[in-house]
Amino acid sequence: MEKYKMKYNNNILESIIFFISSLLLLAYSVFNHYNNKNIIWKTSPYLFPVMISIIVFFLSLSLFNIGIKEKMQEGDRKKLNIHFKDVAVTILSTVVYYNMMGFTGFVIATILFLSILFFYFGERRIWLIVVMSTGVSTGIYVLFSIFLKVMLT
């Protein structure tokens, strides 16, 4: 496992990851919005990801600025432990969640997705998993679909 550890500047590494994520999310949202020609921006389901990508972009710039200013001595460097199993499980469950939304709808797919991830990452109180998964899913649905009139799957 020692070969997967590397020295890094925490803020610069995170800023690069956030920057790339924001660009990918922005490109995905704009591309998919313009493929749906009958939808205006204010009712587009891709408007919220555009706003999130802009916020993440500015977060990445801020983290990069902090990382540049940070003066790390050689002895202060941290080691990065990469947990490939957790990353793989999260990515795989996200892909399954995305594909499941077409069959079950947003609320049910999100409840199942959150429940599985909560359980996988160590939460064993079933009542808390049910409350959190159901509450977050229905809260997002009510906020975006009913109040903001954003189309969800």
C-alpha atoms as a PDB file:
ATOM      1  CA  MET A   1       0.000   0.000   0.000  1.00  0.00           C
ATOM      2  CA  GLU A   2       3.032   2.240   0.441  1.00  0.00           C
ATOM      3  CA  LYS A   3       3.375   2.803  -3.298  1.00  0.00           C
ATOM      4  CA  TYR A   4      -0.043   4.552  -3.411  1.00  0.00           C
ATOM      5  CA  LYS A   5       0.994   7.216  -0.919  1.00  0.00           C
ATOM      6  CA  MET A   6       2.325  10.489  -2.257  1.00  0.00           C
ATOM      7  CA  LYS A   7       3.328  13.843  -0.886  1.00  0.00           C
ATOM      8  CA  TYR A   8       1.099  16.728  -1.888  1.00  0.00           C
ATOM      9  CA  ASN A   9      -0.047  20.236  -1.156  1.00  0.00           C
ATOM     10  CA  ASN A  10      -3.597  19.635   0.025  1.00  0.00           C
ATOM     11  CA  ASN A  11      -5.160  22.876  -1.237  1.00  0.00           C
ATOM     12  CA  ILE A  12      -3.588  22.834  -4.689  1.00  0.00           C
ATOM     13  CA  LEU A  13      -4.553  19.209  -5.303  1.00  0.00           C
ATOM     14  CA  GLU A  14      -8.146  19.843  -4.222  1.00  0.00           C
ATOM     15  CA  SER A  15      -8.333  23.027  -6.303  1.00  0.00           C
ATOM     16  CA  ILE A  16      -7.308  21.124  -9.426  1.00  0.00           C
ATOM     17  CA  ILE A  17      -9.920  18.426  -8.773  1.00  0.00           C
ATOM     18  CA  PHE A  18     -12.647  21.030  -8.149  1.00  0.00           C
ATOM     19  CA  PHE A  19     -11.618  23.030 -11.228  1.00  0.00           C
ATOM     20  CA  ILE A  20     -11.819  19.994 -13.520  1.00  0.00           C
ATOM     21  CA  SER A  21     -15.130  18.937 -11.934  1.00  0.00           C
ATOM     22  CA  SER A  22     -16.637  22.382 -12.442  1.00  0.00           C
ATOM     23  CA  LEU A  23     -15.634  22.468 -16.101  1.00  0.00           C
ATOM     24  CA  LEU A  24     -17.017  18.980 -16.729  1.00  0.00           C
ATOM     25  CA  LEU A  25     -20.300  19.788 -14.980  1.00  0.00           C
ATOM     26  CA  LEU A  26     -20.647  23.064 -16.877  1.00  0.00           C
ATOM     27  CA  ALA A  27     -19.955  21.380 -20.219  1.00  0.00           C
ATOM     28  CA  TYR A  28     -22.427  18.578 -19.438  1.00  0.00           C
ATOM     29  CA  SER A  29     -25.175  21.011 -18.436  1.00  0.00           C
ATOM     30  CA  VAL A  30     -24.768  23.369 -21.385  1.00  0.00           C
ATOM     31  CA  PHE A  31     -24.490  20.523 -23.887  1.00  0.00           C
ATOM     32  CA  ASN A  32     -27.616  18.772 -22.597  1.00  0.00           C
ATOM     33  CA  HIS A  33     -29.603  21.997 -22.315  1.00  0.00           C
ATOM     34  CA  TYR A  34     -28.982  22.905 -25.946  1.00  0.00           C
ATOM     35  CA  ASN A  35     -29.899  19.384 -27.056  1.00  0.00           C
ATOM     36  CA  ASN A  36     -33.377  19.974 -25.543  1.00  0.00           C
ATOM     37  CA  LYS A  37     -34.406  22.838 -27.790  1.00  0.00           C
ATOM     38  CA  ASN A  38     -37.919  23.287 -26.359  1.00  0.00           C
ATOM     39  CA  ILE A  39     -36.772  24.222 -22.849  1.00  0.00           C
ATOM     40  CA  ILE A  40     -35.981  27.752 -21.734  1.00  0.00           C
ATOM     41  CA  TRP A  41     -33.173  28.309 -19.212  1.00  0.00           C
ATOM     42  CA  LYS A  42     -35.340  29.319 -16.261  1.00  0.00           C
ATOM     43  CA  THR A  43     -37.207  25.982 -16.345  1.00  0.00           C
ATOM     44  CA  SER A  44     -34.287  23.866 -17.498  1.00  0.00           C
ATOM     45  CA  PRO A  45     -33.173  21.037 -15.218  1.00  0.00           C
ATOM     46  CA  TYR A  46     -29.625  21.948 -16.262  1.00  0.00           C
ATOM     47  CA  LEU A  47     -29.709  25.437 -14.724  1.00  0.00           C
ATOM     48  CA  PHE A  48     -28.947  24.222 -11.203  1.00  0.00           C
ATOM     49  CA  PRO A  49     -25.831  22.256 -12.268  1.00  0.00           C
ATOM     50  CA  VAL A  50     -24.601  25.383 -14.086  1.00  0.00           C
ATOM     51  CA  MET A  51     -24.966  27.411 -10.885  1.00  0.00           C
ATOM     52  CA  ILE A  52     -23.209  24.695  -8.867  1.00  0.00           C
ATOM     53  CA  SER A  53     -20.367  24.527 -11.400  1.00  0.00           C
ATOM     54  CA  ILE A  54     -19.851  28.297 -11.157  1.00  0.00           C
ATOM     55  CA  ILE A  55     -19.702  28.106  -7.355  1.00  0.00           C
ATOM     56  CA  VAL A  56     -17.264  25.168  -7.510  1.00  0.00           C
ATOM     57  CA  PHE A  57     -15.138  27.084 -10.048  1.00  0.00           C
ATOM     58  CA  PHE A  58     -14.731  30.021  -7.653  1.00  0.00           C
ATOM     59  CA  LEU A  59     -14.062  27.591  -4.805  1.00  0.00           C
ATOM     60  CA  SER A  60     -11.257  26.032  -6.849  1.00  0.00           C
ATOM     61  CA  LEU A  61      -9.727  29.458  -7.513  1.00  0.00           C
ATOM     62  CA  SER A  62      -9.873  30.275  -3.816  1.00  0.00           C
ATOM     63  CA  LEU A  63      -8.272  26.960  -2.839  1.00  0.00           C
ATOM     64  CA  PHE A  64      -5.560  27.425  -5.440  1.00  0.00           C
ATOM     65  CA  ASN A  65      -4.806  30.905  -4.095  1.00  0.00           C
ATOM     66  CA  ILE A  66      -4.557  29.547  -0.539  1.00  0.00           C
ATOM     67  CA  GLY A  67      -2.335  26.698  -1.754  1.00  0.00           C
ATOM     68  CA  ILE A  68       0.042  29.086  -3.499  1.00  0.00           C
ATOM     69  CA  LYS A  69       0.330  31.251  -0.380  1.00  0.00           C
ATOM     70  CA  GLU A  70       0.806  28.276   1.894  1.00  0.00           C
ATOM     71  CA  LYS A  71       4.434  27.669   2.663  1.00  0.00           C
ATOM     72  CA  MET A  72       4.911  24.044   3.542  1.00  0.00           C
ATOM     73  CA  GLN A  73       8.167  22.778   4.977  1.00  0.00           C
ATOM     74  CA  GLU A  74       9.339  19.343   3.969  1.00  0.00           C
ATOM     75  CA  GLY A  75       8.560  17.943   7.421  1.00  0.00           C
ATOM     76  CA  ASP A  76       4.987  19.260   7.358  1.00  0.00           C
ATOM     77  CA  ARG A  77       3.946  17.406   4.242  1.00  0.00           C
ATOM     78  CA  LYS A  78       1.056  15.035   4.619  1.00  0.00           C
ATOM     79  CA  LYS A  79       0.632  11.697   2.944  1.00  0.00           C
ATOM     80  CA  LEU A  80      -2.394  10.934   0.812  1.00  0.00           C
ATOM     81  CA  ASN A  81      -3.984   7.545   1.387  1.00  0.00           C
ATOM     82  CA  ILE A  82      -6.143   6.601  -1.561  1.00  0.00           C
ATOM     83  CA  HIS A  83      -8.954   4.186  -0.728  1.00  0.00           C
ATOM     84  CA  PHE A  84      -9.662   2.747  -4.150  1.00  0.00           C
ATOM     85  CA  LYS A  85     -12.425   0.442  -2.902  1.00  0.00           C
ATOM     86  CA  ASP A  86     -14.472   3.339  -1.478  1.00  0.00           C
ATOM     87  CA  VAL A  87     -13.968   5.387  -4.637  1.00  0.00           C
ATOM     88  CA  ALA A  88     -14.980   2.458  -6.849  1.00  0.00           C
ATOM     89  CA  VAL A  89     -18.099   1.703  -4.777  1.00  0.00           C
ATOM     90  CA  THR A  90     -19.158   5.360  -4.859  1.00  0.00           C
ATOM     91  CA  ILE A  91     -18.642   5.703  -8.614  1.00  0.00           C
ATOM     92  CA  LEU A  92     -20.377   2.402  -9.348  1.00  0.00           C
ATOM     93  CA  SER A  93     -23.356   3.265  -7.139  1.00  0.00           C
ATOM     94  CA  THR A  94     -23.605   6.687  -8.802  1.00  0.00           C
ATOM     95  CA  VAL A  95     -23.724   5.083 -12.251  1.00  0.00           C
ATOM     96  CA  VAL A  96     -26.401   2.634 -11.078  1.00  0.00           C
ATOM     97  CA  TYR A  97     -28.335   5.523  -9.477  1.00  0.00           C
ATOM     98  CA  TYR A  98     -28.223   7.556 -12.684  1.00  0.00           C
ATOM     99  CA  ASN A  99     -29.504   4.630 -14.751  1.00  0.00           C
ATOM    100  CA  MET A 100     -32.129   3.687 -12.150  1.00  0.00           C
ATOM    101  CA  MET A 101     -33.722   7.156 -12.183  1.00  0.00           C
ATOM    102  CA  GLY A 102     -35.254   6.470 -15.582  1.00  0.00           C
ATOM    103  CA  PHE A 103     -37.093   3.421 -14.239  1.00  0.00           C
ATOM    104  CA  THR A 104     -38.059   4.379 -10.703  1.00  0.00           C
ATOM    105  CA  GLY A 105     -38.120   8.167 -10.758  1.00  0.00           C
ATOM    106  CA  PHE A 106     -36.085  10.697  -8.815  1.00  0.00           C
ATOM    107  CA  VAL A 107     -37.408  10.199  -5.284  1.00  0.00           C
ATOM    108  CA  ILE A 108     -37.235   6.398  -5.090  1.00  0.00           C
ATOM    109  CA  ALA A 109     -33.846   6.220  -6.830  1.00  0.00           C
ATOM    110  CA  THR A 110     -32.411   8.872  -4.509  1.00  0.00           C
ATOM    111  CA  ILE A 111     -33.763   7.164  -1.388  1.00  0.00           C
ATOM    112  CA  LEU A 112     -32.181   3.859  -2.442  1.00  0.00           C
ATOM    113  CA  PHE A 113     -28.902   5.525  -3.455  1.00  0.00           C
ATOM    114  CA  LEU A 114     -28.514   7.429  -0.193  1.00  0.00           C
ATOM    115  CA  SER A 115     -29.560   4.426   1.911  1.00  0.00           C
ATOM    116  CA  ILE A 116     -26.977   2.173   0.303  1.00  0.00           C
ATOM    117  CA  LEU A 117     -24.187   4.733   0.647  1.00  0.00           C
ATOM    118  CA  PHE A 118     -25.059   5.578   4.263  1.00  0.00           C
ATOM    119  CA  PHE A 119     -24.965   1.878   5.120  1.00  0.00           C
ATOM    120  CA  TYR A 120     -21.751   1.265   3.179  1.00  0.00           C
ATOM    121  CA  PHE A 121     -19.934   4.132   4.882  1.00  0.00           C
ATOM    122  CA  GLY A 122     -20.755   2.844   8.336  1.00  0.00           C
ATOM    123  CA  GLU A 123     -24.131   4.110   9.517  1.00  0.00           C
ATOM    124  CA  ARG A 124     -25.924   1.160  11.126  1.00  0.00           C
ATOM    125  CA  ARG A 125     -28.962   2.848  12.673  1.00  0.00           C
ATOM    126  CA  ILE A 126     -31.676   1.863  10.223  1.00  0.00           C
ATOM    127  CA  TRP A 127     -34.141   4.468  11.495  1.00  0.00           C
ATOM    128  CA  LEU A 128     -31.594   7.246  10.831  1.00  0.00           C
ATOM    129  CA  ILE A 129     -30.829   5.930   7.345  1.00  0.00           C
ATOM    130  CA  VAL A 130     -34.551   5.866   6.521  1.00  0.00           C
ATOM    131  CA  VAL A 131     -35.193   9.347   7.939  1.00  0.00           C
ATOM    132  CA  MET A 132     -32.157  10.935   6.268  1.00  0.00           C
ATOM    133  CA  SER A 133     -32.669   9.274   2.875  1.00  0.00           C
ATOM    134  CA  THR A 134     -36.386   9.979   2.751  1.00  0.00           C
ATOM    135  CA  GLY A 135     -36.062  13.499   4.137  1.00  0.00           C
ATOM    136  CA  VAL A 136     -33.299  14.591   1.779  1.00  0.00           C
ATOM    137  CA  SER A 137     -34.960  13.030  -1.271  1.00  0.00           C
ATOM    138  CA  THR A 138     -38.409  14.459  -0.658  1.00  0.00           C
ATOM    139  CA  GLY A 139     -36.935  17.797   0.431  1.00  0.00           C
ATOM    140  CA  ILE A 140     -35.009  18.138  -2.817  1.00  0.00           C
ATOM    141  CA  TYR A 141     -38.052  17.046  -4.806  1.00  0.00           C
ATOM    142  CA  VAL A 142     -40.379  19.523  -3.094  1.00  0.00           C
ATOM    143  CA  LEU A 143     -37.907  22.385  -3.354  1.00  0.00           C
ATOM    144  CA  PHE A 144     -36.978  21.958  -6.989  1.00  0.00           C
ATOM    145  CA  SER A 145     -39.954  20.276  -8.612  1.00  0.00           C
ATOM    146  CA  ILE A 146     -42.804  21.987  -6.788  1.00  0.00           C
ATOM    147  CA  PHE A 147     -41.483  25.369  -5.636  1.00  0.00           C
ATOM    148  CA  LEU A 148     -38.889  26.164  -8.323  1.00  0.00           C
ATOM    149  CA  LYS A 149     -40.673  24.275 -11.134  1.00  0.00           C
ATOM    150  CA  VAL A 150     -37.464  22.536 -12.239  1.00  0.00           C
ATOM    151  CA  MET A 151     -38.145  19.320 -14.143  1.00  0.00           C
ATOM    152  CA  LEU A 152     -36.787  16.240 -12.384  1.00  0.00           C
ATOM    153  CA  THR A 153     -36.827  12.727 -13.773  1.00  0.00           C
END
